[in-house]
């Protein structure tokens, strides 16, 4: 039976996180780079399950795209671990404001980030993923004064992360909220925040921790169960929905924001089909970004559940 991603022991704790903070704060850049490679090598050697899962993803990507040139010929799995290590280094850098708004290339043909800039009216929803480094969006929030961003996460360590970010002096207008289920109380809280002009970010590429609210769709040539929750939430909140991807391209981050819908609507009769269509569109968007940044897929669990 394939283990649910949320039941896996998180390889890190408060001490490790604070240690990383001290390293990024006091270590020279060249030394931190060396240390990060040592840590990546350790996790690569001691993580056979994660190596197999990344190899599975890469095989799906090659087969679906028909392009053998998307991935490096030498040690592609290890290089994906290295890319993850680089993303962690960059995450600390943006917390410390060493990586700022002016370092990012904004791809926003519809001008959505300008709506963030003025932060007027009702809030909106940002649909994110574990593809690329969404944490870089902190630089966008820091630049857009007055914007409040609520990031919904499943981790039980949300409070710990908030405390560490406060210790770092990170922007107080970003709040991590632990949400394991979109129940009535949670929806009322989110409704109030959206009505107050706050934005909500949620990853839409992992099964929910609780419940059966998933929909099977095609992704990289195979069937995967994606969560319904983000799309149900968007419809109930009556908020505009945008996708947000942030990938590293030629040593610099590119942040792409795109409007998916001004409002997701359904009736009782067609709700399931409407949700399925939006989930499939999101999966297709994920596919496009996988081609653009093939080594930046950071779902290390059994995504296609081949071990079930």
C-alpha atoms as a PDB file:
ATOM      1  CA  UNK A   1       0.000   0.000   0.000  1.00  0.00           C
ATOM      2  CA  UNK A   2       1.445   3.379  -0.995  1.00  0.00           C
ATOM      3  CA  UNK A   3       1.963   5.695   1.983  1.00  0.00           C
ATOM      4  CA  UNK A   4       0.036   8.965   1.974  1.00  0.00           C
ATOM      5  CA  UNK A   5       2.372  11.912   1.578  1.00  0.00           C
ATOM      6  CA  UNK A   6       1.071  13.563   4.770  1.00  0.00           C
ATOM      7  CA  UNK A   7       1.850  10.535   6.976  1.00  0.00           C
ATOM      8  CA  UNK A   8       5.530  10.536   6.119  1.00  0.00           C
ATOM      9  CA  UNK A   9       7.855  11.769   8.866  1.00  0.00           C
ATOM     10  CA  UNK A  10       9.019  15.270   8.059  1.00  0.00           C
ATOM     11  CA  UNK A  11      12.790  15.167   7.865  1.00  0.00           C
ATOM     12  CA  UNK A  12      13.369  18.301   9.841  1.00  0.00           C
ATOM     13  CA  UNK A  13      12.251  20.071  13.004  1.00  0.00           C
ATOM     14  CA  UNK A  14      12.474  23.390  14.798  1.00  0.00           C
ATOM     15  CA  UNK A  15      16.182  22.926  15.554  1.00  0.00           C
ATOM     16  CA  UNK A  16      17.053  22.069  11.954  1.00  0.00           C
ATOM     17  CA  UNK A  17      15.050  25.007  10.641  1.00  0.00           C
ATOM     18  CA  UNK A  18      16.675  27.458  13.025  1.00  0.00           C
ATOM     19  CA  UNK A  19      20.095  25.978  12.238  1.00  0.00           C
ATOM     20  CA  UNK A  20      19.457  26.652   8.575  1.00  0.00           C
ATOM     21  CA  UNK A  21      18.472  30.216   9.437  1.00  0.00           C
ATOM     22  CA  UNK A  22      21.762  30.768  11.277  1.00  0.00           C
ATOM     23  CA  UNK A  23      23.727  29.324   8.385  1.00  0.00           C
ATOM     24  CA  UNK A  24      22.093  31.532   5.768  1.00  0.00           C
ATOM     25  CA  UNK A  25      22.486  34.536   8.069  1.00  0.00           C
ATOM     26  CA  UNK A  26      26.150  34.123   9.004  1.00  0.00           C
ATOM     27  CA  UNK A  27      27.808  31.825   6.458  1.00  0.00           C
ATOM     28  CA  UNK A  28      29.481  33.232   3.360  1.00  0.00           C
ATOM     29  CA  UNK A  29      27.521  32.415   0.221  1.00  0.00           C
ATOM     30  CA  UNK A  30      30.240  30.124  -1.135  1.00  0.00           C
ATOM     31  CA  UNK A  31      30.399  28.131   2.116  1.00  0.00           C
ATOM     32  CA  UNK A  32      26.622  27.765   2.341  1.00  0.00           C
ATOM     33  CA  UNK A  33      26.631  26.456  -1.216  1.00  0.00           C
ATOM     34  CA  UNK A  34      29.115  23.740  -0.257  1.00  0.00           C
ATOM     35  CA  UNK A  35      27.150  22.790   2.863  1.00  0.00           C
ATOM     36  CA  UNK A  36      23.899  22.557   0.931  1.00  0.00           C
ATOM     37  CA  UNK A  37      25.482  20.130  -1.563  1.00  0.00           C
ATOM     38  CA  UNK A  38      26.681  17.935   1.313  1.00  0.00           C
ATOM     39  CA  UNK A  39      23.179  17.862   2.808  1.00  0.00           C
ATOM     40  CA  UNK A  40      21.628  17.083  -0.592  1.00  0.00           C
ATOM     41  CA  UNK A  41      24.051  14.205  -1.128  1.00  0.00           C
ATOM     42  CA  UNK A  42      23.182  12.791   2.303  1.00  0.00           C
ATOM     43  CA  UNK A  43      19.442  12.845   1.624  1.00  0.00           C
ATOM     44  CA  UNK A  44      19.943  11.413  -1.853  1.00  0.00           C
ATOM     45  CA  UNK A  45      21.947   8.449  -0.513  1.00  0.00           C
ATOM     46  CA  UNK A  46      19.564   7.760   2.399  1.00  0.00           C
ATOM     47  CA  UNK A  47      16.253   8.187   0.516  1.00  0.00           C
ATOM     48  CA  UNK A  48      15.728   5.170  -1.771  1.00  0.00           C
ATOM     49  CA  UNK A  49      11.935   5.617  -1.879  1.00  0.00           C
ATOM     50  CA  UNK A  50      12.205   9.251  -2.917  1.00  0.00           C
ATOM     51  CA  UNK A  51      14.785   8.358  -5.571  1.00  0.00           C
ATOM     52  CA  UNK A  52      12.400   5.789  -7.027  1.00  0.00           C
ATOM     53  CA  UNK A  53       9.496   8.245  -7.010  1.00  0.00           C
ATOM     54  CA  UNK A  54      11.494  10.943  -8.815  1.00  0.00           C
ATOM     55  CA  UNK A  55      12.671   8.378 -11.370  1.00  0.00           C
ATOM     56  CA  UNK A  56       9.018   7.450 -11.913  1.00  0.00           C
ATOM     57  CA  UNK A  57       8.123  11.114 -12.520  1.00  0.00           C
ATOM     58  CA  UNK A  58      10.981  11.517 -14.985  1.00  0.00           C
ATOM     59  CA  UNK A  59       9.919   8.408 -16.890  1.00  0.00           C
ATOM     60  CA  UNK A  60       6.361   9.733 -17.125  1.00  0.00           C
ATOM     61  CA  UNK A  61       7.628  13.094 -18.362  1.00  0.00           C
ATOM     62  CA  UNK A  62       9.852  11.543 -21.037  1.00  0.00           C
ATOM     63  CA  UNK A  63       7.125   9.187 -22.245  1.00  0.00           C
ATOM     64  CA  UNK A  64       4.358  11.795 -22.289  1.00  0.00           C
ATOM     65  CA  UNK A  65       6.403  14.541 -23.948  1.00  0.00           C
ATOM     66  CA  UNK A  66       8.233  12.272 -26.392  1.00  0.00           C
ATOM     67  CA  UNK A  67      11.347  14.310 -25.668  1.00  0.00           C
ATOM     68  CA  UNK A  68      14.452  12.587 -24.351  1.00  0.00           C
ATOM     69  CA  UNK A  69      16.298  15.921 -24.263  1.00  0.00           C
ATOM     70  CA  UNK A  70      14.176  17.427 -21.486  1.00  0.00           C
ATOM     71  CA  UNK A  71      16.297  15.854 -18.755  1.00  0.00           C
ATOM     72  CA  UNK A  72      20.075  15.701 -18.419  1.00  0.00           C
ATOM     73  CA  UNK A  73      21.672  12.509 -19.691  1.00  0.00           C
ATOM     74  CA  UNK A  74      23.927  12.180 -16.647  1.00  0.00           C
ATOM     75  CA  UNK A  75      22.469  11.551 -13.144  1.00  0.00           C
ATOM     76  CA  UNK A  76      19.057  13.168 -13.761  1.00  0.00           C
ATOM     77  CA  UNK A  77      17.567  11.932 -10.461  1.00  0.00           C
ATOM     78  CA  UNK A  78      20.462  13.281  -8.402  1.00  0.00           C
ATOM     79  CA  UNK A  79      20.293  16.590 -10.230  1.00  0.00           C
ATOM     80  CA  UNK A  80      16.636  16.873  -9.288  1.00  0.00           C
ATOM     81  CA  UNK A  81      17.661  16.499  -5.630  1.00  0.00           C
ATOM     82  CA  UNK A  82      20.267  19.218  -6.225  1.00  0.00           C
ATOM     83  CA  UNK A  83      17.570  21.487  -7.676  1.00  0.00           C
ATOM     84  CA  UNK A  84      15.506  20.937  -4.531  1.00  0.00           C
ATOM     85  CA  UNK A  85      18.510  21.877  -2.400  1.00  0.00           C
ATOM     86  CA  UNK A  86      18.919  25.070  -4.413  1.00  0.00           C
ATOM     87  CA  UNK A  87      15.242  25.862  -3.872  1.00  0.00           C
ATOM     88  CA  UNK A  88      15.709  25.539  -0.107  1.00  0.00           C
ATOM     89  CA  UNK A  89      18.728  27.847  -0.196  1.00  0.00           C
ATOM     90  CA  UNK A  90      16.714  30.374  -2.187  1.00  0.00           C
ATOM     91  CA  UNK A  91      13.828  30.056   0.255  1.00  0.00           C
ATOM     92  CA  UNK A  92      16.052  31.155   3.124  1.00  0.00           C
ATOM     93  CA  UNK A  93      17.456  33.932   0.948  1.00  0.00           C
ATOM     94  CA  UNK A  94      14.020  35.391   0.260  1.00  0.00           C
ATOM     95  CA  UNK A  95      13.161  35.194   3.974  1.00  0.00           C
ATOM     96  CA  UNK A  96      16.274  37.244   4.658  1.00  0.00           C
ATOM     97  CA  UNK A  97      15.394  39.648   1.820  1.00  0.00           C
ATOM     98  CA  UNK A  98      18.587  38.809  -0.018  1.00  0.00           C
ATOM     99  CA  UNK A  99      16.396  37.710  -2.907  1.00  0.00           C
ATOM    100  CA  UNK A 100      14.012  40.572  -3.620  1.00  0.00           C
ATOM    101  CA  UNK A 101      11.345  41.711  -6.045  1.00  0.00           C
ATOM    102  CA  UNK A 102      13.834  43.307  -8.437  1.00  0.00           C
ATOM    103  CA  UNK A 103      15.601  39.952  -8.836  1.00  0.00           C
ATOM    104  CA  UNK A 104      12.464  38.282 -10.225  1.00  0.00           C
ATOM    105  CA  UNK A 105      11.122  38.253 -13.774  1.00  0.00           C
ATOM    106  CA  UNK A 106       7.352  38.781 -13.650  1.00  0.00           C
ATOM    107  CA  UNK A 107       5.311  37.086 -16.395  1.00  0.00           C
ATOM    108  CA  UNK A 108       1.828  38.488 -15.982  1.00  0.00           C
ATOM    109  CA  UNK A 109       0.097  39.264 -19.299  1.00  0.00           C
ATOM    110  CA  UNK A 110      -3.182  40.145 -17.560  1.00  0.00           C
ATOM    111  CA  UNK A 111      -1.679  42.488 -14.968  1.00  0.00           C
ATOM    112  CA  UNK A 112      -2.877  40.479 -11.966  1.00  0.00           C
ATOM    113  CA  UNK A 113       0.078  41.501  -9.800  1.00  0.00           C
ATOM    114  CA  UNK A 114      -1.068  45.115 -10.194  1.00  0.00           C
ATOM    115  CA  UNK A 115      -4.315  44.092  -8.518  1.00  0.00           C
ATOM    116  CA  UNK A 116      -2.130  42.821  -5.687  1.00  0.00           C
ATOM    117  CA  UNK A 117      -0.256  46.118  -5.633  1.00  0.00           C
ATOM    118  CA  UNK A 118      -3.350  48.171  -4.870  1.00  0.00           C
ATOM    119  CA  UNK A 119      -5.020  45.395  -2.821  1.00  0.00           C
ATOM    120  CA  UNK A 120      -8.455  46.917  -3.258  1.00  0.00           C
ATOM    121  CA  UNK A 121     -11.792  45.126  -3.235  1.00  0.00           C
ATOM    122  CA  UNK A 122     -12.214  41.461  -2.427  1.00  0.00           C
ATOM    123  CA  UNK A 123      -9.291  39.111  -2.192  1.00  0.00           C
ATOM    124  CA  UNK A 124      -8.463  36.461  -4.769  1.00  0.00           C
ATOM    125  CA  UNK A 125      -7.138  32.907  -4.830  1.00  0.00           C
ATOM    126  CA  UNK A 126      -3.706  31.806  -6.009  1.00  0.00           C
ATOM    127  CA  UNK A 127      -3.535  28.151  -7.046  1.00  0.00           C
ATOM    128  CA  UNK A 128       0.009  26.917  -6.460  1.00  0.00           C
ATOM    129  CA  UNK A 129       1.877  23.611  -6.575  1.00  0.00           C
ATOM    130  CA  UNK A 130       5.038  21.826  -5.487  1.00  0.00           C
ATOM    131  CA  UNK A 131       6.519  22.522  -8.895  1.00  0.00           C
ATOM    132  CA  UNK A 132       9.125  25.245  -8.666  1.00  0.00           C
ATOM    133  CA  UNK A 133       9.561  27.486  -5.630  1.00  0.00           C
ATOM    134  CA  UNK A 134       6.351  29.256  -4.639  1.00  0.00           C
ATOM    135  CA  UNK A 135       8.097  30.654  -1.564  1.00  0.00           C
ATOM    136  CA  UNK A 136       9.661  33.258  -3.867  1.00  0.00           C
ATOM    137  CA  UNK A 137       6.238  34.936  -3.952  1.00  0.00           C
ATOM    138  CA  UNK A 138       7.205  36.404  -0.580  1.00  0.00           C
ATOM    139  CA  UNK A 139       9.282  38.930  -2.489  1.00  0.00           C
ATOM    140  CA  UNK A 140       6.146  39.955  -4.387  1.00  0.00           C
ATOM    141  CA  UNK A 141       4.178  40.448  -1.166  1.00  0.00           C
ATOM    142  CA  UNK A 142       6.996  42.448   0.419  1.00  0.00           C
ATOM    143  CA  UNK A 143       6.970  44.748  -2.608  1.00  0.00           C
ATOM    144  CA  UNK A 144       3.178  45.162  -2.631  1.00  0.00           C
ATOM    145  CA  UNK A 145       2.571  46.919   0.662  1.00  0.00           C
ATOM    146  CA  UNK A 146      -0.935  46.428   1.996  1.00  0.00           C
ATOM    147  CA  UNK A 147      -1.336  42.969   0.441  1.00  0.00           C
ATOM    148  CA  UNK A 148      -2.093  40.228   2.966  1.00  0.00           C
ATOM    149  CA  UNK A 149      -1.484  36.675   1.765  1.00  0.00           C
ATOM    150  CA  UNK A 150      -2.794  33.616   3.627  1.00  0.00           C
ATOM    151  CA  UNK A 151      -1.010  30.396   2.669  1.00  0.00           C
ATOM    152  CA  UNK A 152      -3.025  27.267   3.439  1.00  0.00           C
ATOM    153  CA  UNK A 153      -0.830  24.319   4.372  1.00  0.00           C
ATOM    154  CA  UNK A 154      -1.436  20.820   5.723  1.00  0.00           C
ATOM    155  CA  UNK A 155       1.678  20.742   7.908  1.00  0.00           C
ATOM    156  CA  UNK A 156       1.162  20.605  11.671  1.00  0.00           C
ATOM    157  CA  UNK A 157       4.232  22.823  11.949  1.00  0.00           C
ATOM    158  CA  UNK A 158       2.548  25.956  10.580  1.00  0.00           C
ATOM    159  CA  UNK A 159       2.911  27.764  13.917  1.00  0.00           C
ATOM    160  CA  UNK A 160       6.576  26.800  14.101  1.00  0.00           C
ATOM    161  CA  UNK A 161       7.235  28.202  10.638  1.00  0.00           C
ATOM    162  CA  UNK A 162       5.434  31.417  11.548  1.00  0.00           C
ATOM    163  CA  UNK A 163       7.590  31.778  14.665  1.00  0.00           C
ATOM    164  CA  UNK A 164      10.801  31.192  12.740  1.00  0.00           C
ATOM    165  CA  UNK A 165       9.791  33.685  10.062  1.00  0.00           C
ATOM    166  CA  UNK A 166       9.060  36.266  12.760  1.00  0.00           C
ATOM    167  CA  UNK A 167      12.515  35.619  14.183  1.00  0.00           C
ATOM    168  CA  UNK A 168      13.944  36.233  10.732  1.00  0.00           C
ATOM    169  CA  UNK A 169      12.089  39.486  10.397  1.00  0.00           C
ATOM    170  CA  UNK A 170      10.016  38.108   7.505  1.00  0.00           C
ATOM    171  CA  UNK A 171       7.006  40.055   6.282  1.00  0.00           C
ATOM    172  CA  UNK A 172       4.063  39.914   8.703  1.00  0.00           C
ATOM    173  CA  UNK A 173       1.613  40.214   5.812  1.00  0.00           C
ATOM    174  CA  UNK A 174       2.146  36.531   4.974  1.00  0.00           C
ATOM    175  CA  UNK A 175       0.356  34.066   7.234  1.00  0.00           C
ATOM    176  CA  UNK A 176       0.652  30.301   7.166  1.00  0.00           C
ATOM    177  CA  UNK A 177      -2.640  28.675   8.167  1.00  0.00           C
ATOM    178  CA  UNK A 178      -2.847  24.994   9.028  1.00  0.00           C
ATOM    179  CA  UNK A 179      -5.880  23.561   7.235  1.00  0.00           C
ATOM    180  CA  UNK A 180      -6.539  19.837   7.099  1.00  0.00           C
ATOM    181  CA  UNK A 181     -10.199  20.081   6.113  1.00  0.00           C
ATOM    182  CA  UNK A 182     -12.356  22.770   4.511  1.00  0.00           C
ATOM    183  CA  UNK A 183     -15.161  22.531   7.067  1.00  0.00           C
ATOM    184  CA  UNK A 184     -17.788  25.166   7.851  1.00  0.00           C
ATOM    185  CA  UNK A 185     -15.672  27.003  10.420  1.00  0.00           C
ATOM    186  CA  UNK A 186     -12.694  27.143   8.070  1.00  0.00           C
ATOM    187  CA  UNK A 187     -14.813  28.389   5.170  1.00  0.00           C
ATOM    188  CA  UNK A 188     -16.361  31.120   7.315  1.00  0.00           C
ATOM    189  CA  UNK A 189     -12.901  32.261   8.361  1.00  0.00           C
ATOM    190  CA  UNK A 190     -11.657  32.292   4.768  1.00  0.00           C
ATOM    191  CA  UNK A 191     -14.793  34.093   3.576  1.00  0.00           C
ATOM    192  CA  UNK A 192     -14.152  36.873   6.075  1.00  0.00           C
ATOM    193  CA  UNK A 193     -10.537  37.200   4.979  1.00  0.00           C
ATOM    194  CA  UNK A 194     -11.438  37.377   1.287  1.00  0.00           C
ATOM    195  CA  UNK A 195     -14.172  39.932   2.013  1.00  0.00           C
ATOM    196  CA  UNK A 196     -11.535  41.988   3.836  1.00  0.00           C
ATOM    197  CA  UNK A 197      -9.349  42.032   0.722  1.00  0.00           C
ATOM    198  CA  UNK A 198      -6.903  39.324   1.784  1.00  0.00           C
ATOM    199  CA  UNK A 199      -5.587  36.838  -0.765  1.00  0.00           C
ATOM    200  CA  UNK A 200      -5.396  33.062  -0.319  1.00  0.00           C
ATOM    201  CA  UNK A 201      -2.770  30.695  -1.706  1.00  0.00           C
ATOM    202  CA  UNK A 202      -3.310  26.936  -1.792  1.00  0.00           C
ATOM    203  CA  UNK A 203      -1.460  24.058  -3.440  1.00  0.00           C
ATOM    204  CA  UNK A 204      -3.702  21.958  -5.691  1.00  0.00           C
ATOM    205  CA  UNK A 205      -1.414  19.051  -6.554  1.00  0.00           C
ATOM    206  CA  UNK A 206      -1.686  16.791  -3.493  1.00  0.00           C
ATOM    207  CA  UNK A 207      -4.479  14.641  -2.128  1.00  0.00           C
ATOM    208  CA  UNK A 208      -6.247  16.054   0.940  1.00  0.00           C
ATOM    209  CA  UNK A 209      -5.163  14.800   4.345  1.00  0.00           C
ATOM    210  CA  UNK A 210      -8.723  13.800   5.225  1.00  0.00           C
ATOM    211  CA  UNK A 211     -11.731  12.779   3.207  1.00  0.00           C
ATOM    212  CA  UNK A 212     -12.363  11.336  -0.203  1.00  0.00           C
ATOM    213  CA  UNK A 213     -12.735  14.603  -2.125  1.00  0.00           C
ATOM    214  CA  UNK A 214     -10.508  13.819  -5.074  1.00  0.00           C
ATOM    215  CA  UNK A 215     -11.067  13.589  -8.803  1.00  0.00           C
ATOM    216  CA  UNK A 216      -9.062  11.364 -11.179  1.00  0.00           C
ATOM    217  CA  UNK A 217      -7.686  13.187 -14.216  1.00  0.00           C
ATOM    218  CA  UNK A 218      -4.976  12.636 -16.795  1.00  0.00           C
ATOM    219  CA  UNK A 219      -1.490  13.905 -15.924  1.00  0.00           C
ATOM    220  CA  UNK A 220       1.685  13.109 -17.878  1.00  0.00           C
ATOM    221  CA  UNK A 221      -0.031  10.252 -19.653  1.00  0.00           C
ATOM    222  CA  UNK A 222      -1.427   8.507 -16.574  1.00  0.00           C
ATOM    223  CA  UNK A 223      -4.335   8.901 -14.167  1.00  0.00           C
ATOM    224  CA  UNK A 224      -3.777  10.810 -10.927  1.00  0.00           C
ATOM    225  CA  UNK A 225      -6.195  11.740  -8.130  1.00  0.00           C
ATOM    226  CA  UNK A 226      -6.090  15.507  -7.617  1.00  0.00           C
ATOM    227  CA  UNK A 227      -7.917  17.314  -4.797  1.00  0.00           C
ATOM    228  CA  UNK A 228     -11.291  18.947  -5.347  1.00  0.00           C
ATOM    229  CA  UNK A 229     -10.847  21.220  -2.327  1.00  0.00           C
ATOM    230  CA  UNK A 230      -9.184  24.251  -3.947  1.00  0.00           C
ATOM    231  CA  UNK A 231     -11.843  24.436  -6.650  1.00  0.00           C
ATOM    232  CA  UNK A 232     -14.748  23.855  -4.272  1.00  0.00           C
ATOM    233  CA  UNK A 233     -13.306  26.580  -2.043  1.00  0.00           C
ATOM    234  CA  UNK A 234     -12.975  28.973  -4.979  1.00  0.00           C
ATOM    235  CA  UNK A 235     -16.600  28.436  -5.989  1.00  0.00           C
ATOM    236  CA  UNK A 236     -17.951  28.840  -2.480  1.00  0.00           C
ATOM    237  CA  UNK A 237     -15.894  31.985  -1.844  1.00  0.00           C
ATOM    238  CA  UNK A 238     -16.957  33.440  -5.215  1.00  0.00           C
ATOM    239  CA  UNK A 239     -13.418  34.697  -5.725  1.00  0.00           C
ATOM    240  CA  UNK A 240     -11.279  35.060  -8.832  1.00  0.00           C
ATOM    241  CA  UNK A 241      -8.874  32.167  -9.367  1.00  0.00           C
ATOM    242  CA  UNK A 242      -5.309  32.530 -10.628  1.00  0.00           C
ATOM    243  CA  UNK A 243      -2.456  30.082 -11.078  1.00  0.00           C
ATOM    244  CA  UNK A 244       0.976  30.997  -9.759  1.00  0.00           C
ATOM    245  CA  UNK A 245       4.220  29.244 -10.711  1.00  0.00           C
ATOM    246  CA  UNK A 246       7.724  30.348  -9.845  1.00  0.00           C
ATOM    247  CA  UNK A 247      10.566  28.472 -11.534  1.00  0.00           C
ATOM    248  CA  UNK A 248      14.302  29.021 -11.763  1.00  0.00           C
ATOM    249  CA  UNK A 249      15.352  29.793 -15.317  1.00  0.00           C
ATOM    250  CA  UNK A 250      19.025  30.366 -16.172  1.00  0.00           C
ATOM    251  CA  UNK A 251      19.890  31.344 -12.610  1.00  0.00           C
ATOM    252  CA  UNK A 252      16.968  33.728 -12.154  1.00  0.00           C
ATOM    253  CA  UNK A 253      13.407  33.216 -10.944  1.00  0.00           C
ATOM    254  CA  UNK A 254      10.488  33.674 -13.281  1.00  0.00           C
ATOM    255  CA  UNK A 255       7.123  34.204 -11.578  1.00  0.00           C
ATOM    256  CA  UNK A 256       4.166  33.471 -13.859  1.00  0.00           C
ATOM    257  CA  UNK A 257       0.648  34.525 -12.854  1.00  0.00           C
ATOM    258  CA  UNK A 258      -2.346  33.668 -14.998  1.00  0.00           C
ATOM    259  CA  UNK A 259      -6.094  34.132 -14.540  1.00  0.00           C
ATOM    260  CA  UNK A 260      -8.016  30.868 -14.696  1.00  0.00           C
ATOM    261  CA  UNK A 261     -11.474  32.185 -13.951  1.00  0.00           C
ATOM    262  CA  UNK A 262     -13.197  35.299 -12.647  1.00  0.00           C
ATOM    263  CA  UNK A 263     -15.557  32.987 -10.843  1.00  0.00           C
ATOM    264  CA  UNK A 264     -16.110  29.221 -10.752  1.00  0.00           C
ATOM    265  CA  UNK A 265     -19.805  28.383 -10.793  1.00  0.00           C
ATOM    266  CA  UNK A 266     -21.827  25.197 -10.794  1.00  0.00           C
ATOM    267  CA  UNK A 267     -25.278  23.851 -10.046  1.00  0.00           C
ATOM    268  CA  UNK A 268     -26.113  20.865  -7.877  1.00  0.00           C
ATOM    269  CA  UNK A 269     -26.603  18.787 -11.026  1.00  0.00           C
ATOM    270  CA  UNK A 270     -23.321  19.600 -12.767  1.00  0.00           C
ATOM    271  CA  UNK A 271     -20.969  20.323  -9.843  1.00  0.00           C
ATOM    272  CA  UNK A 272     -18.858  17.179 -10.190  1.00  0.00           C
ATOM    273  CA  UNK A 273     -18.368  17.658 -13.916  1.00  0.00           C
ATOM    274  CA  UNK A 274     -17.514  21.346 -13.551  1.00  0.00           C
ATOM    275  CA  UNK A 275     -14.945  20.607 -10.840  1.00  0.00           C
ATOM    276  CA  UNK A 276     -13.442  17.810 -12.919  1.00  0.00           C
ATOM    277  CA  UNK A 277     -13.037  20.124 -15.905  1.00  0.00           C
ATOM    278  CA  UNK A 278     -11.190  22.728 -13.810  1.00  0.00           C
ATOM    279  CA  UNK A 279      -8.940  20.107 -12.229  1.00  0.00           C
ATOM    280  CA  UNK A 280      -8.073  18.759 -15.677  1.00  0.00           C
ATOM    281  CA  UNK A 281      -7.231  22.246 -16.921  1.00  0.00           C
ATOM    282  CA  UNK A 282      -4.974  22.741 -13.936  1.00  0.00           C
ATOM    283  CA  UNK A 283      -3.263  19.378 -14.586  1.00  0.00           C
ATOM    284  CA  UNK A 284      -2.642  20.440 -18.187  1.00  0.00           C
ATOM    285  CA  UNK A 285      -1.103  23.682 -16.946  1.00  0.00           C
ATOM    286  CA  UNK A 286       1.140  21.647 -14.633  1.00  0.00           C
ATOM    287  CA  UNK A 287       2.259  19.582 -17.612  1.00  0.00           C
ATOM    288  CA  UNK A 288       3.299  22.709 -19.490  1.00  0.00           C
ATOM    289  CA  UNK A 289       5.385  23.950 -16.561  1.00  0.00           C
ATOM    290  CA  UNK A 290       6.967  20.508 -16.103  1.00  0.00           C
ATOM    291  CA  UNK A 291       8.293  20.810 -19.652  1.00  0.00           C
ATOM    292  CA  UNK A 292       9.579  24.297 -18.891  1.00  0.00           C
ATOM    293  CA  UNK A 293      11.235  23.280 -15.596  1.00  0.00           C
ATOM    294  CA  UNK A 294      11.583  19.478 -15.661  1.00  0.00           C
ATOM    295  CA  UNK A 295      13.945  19.197 -12.669  1.00  0.00           C
ATOM    296  CA  UNK A 296      11.837  21.377 -10.387  1.00  0.00           C
ATOM    297  CA  UNK A 297       9.103  18.848  -9.614  1.00  0.00           C
ATOM    298  CA  UNK A 298       9.338  18.539  -5.813  1.00  0.00           C
ATOM    299  CA  UNK A 299       6.677  15.947  -5.040  1.00  0.00           C
ATOM    300  CA  UNK A 300       8.912  13.199  -3.714  1.00  0.00           C
ATOM    301  CA  UNK A 301       6.160  10.750  -2.765  1.00  0.00           C
ATOM    302  CA  UNK A 302       4.531   8.051  -4.929  1.00  0.00           C
ATOM    303  CA  UNK A 303       2.473  10.456  -7.024  1.00  0.00           C
ATOM    304  CA  UNK A 304       0.926   7.822  -9.314  1.00  0.00           C
ATOM    305  CA  UNK A 305       0.473   5.323  -6.450  1.00  0.00           C
ATOM    306  CA  UNK A 306       2.148   2.474  -8.317  1.00  0.00           C
ATOM    307  CA  UNK A 307       2.823   0.726  -5.023  1.00  0.00           C
ATOM    308  CA  UNK A 308      -0.853   0.389  -4.104  1.00  0.00           C
END
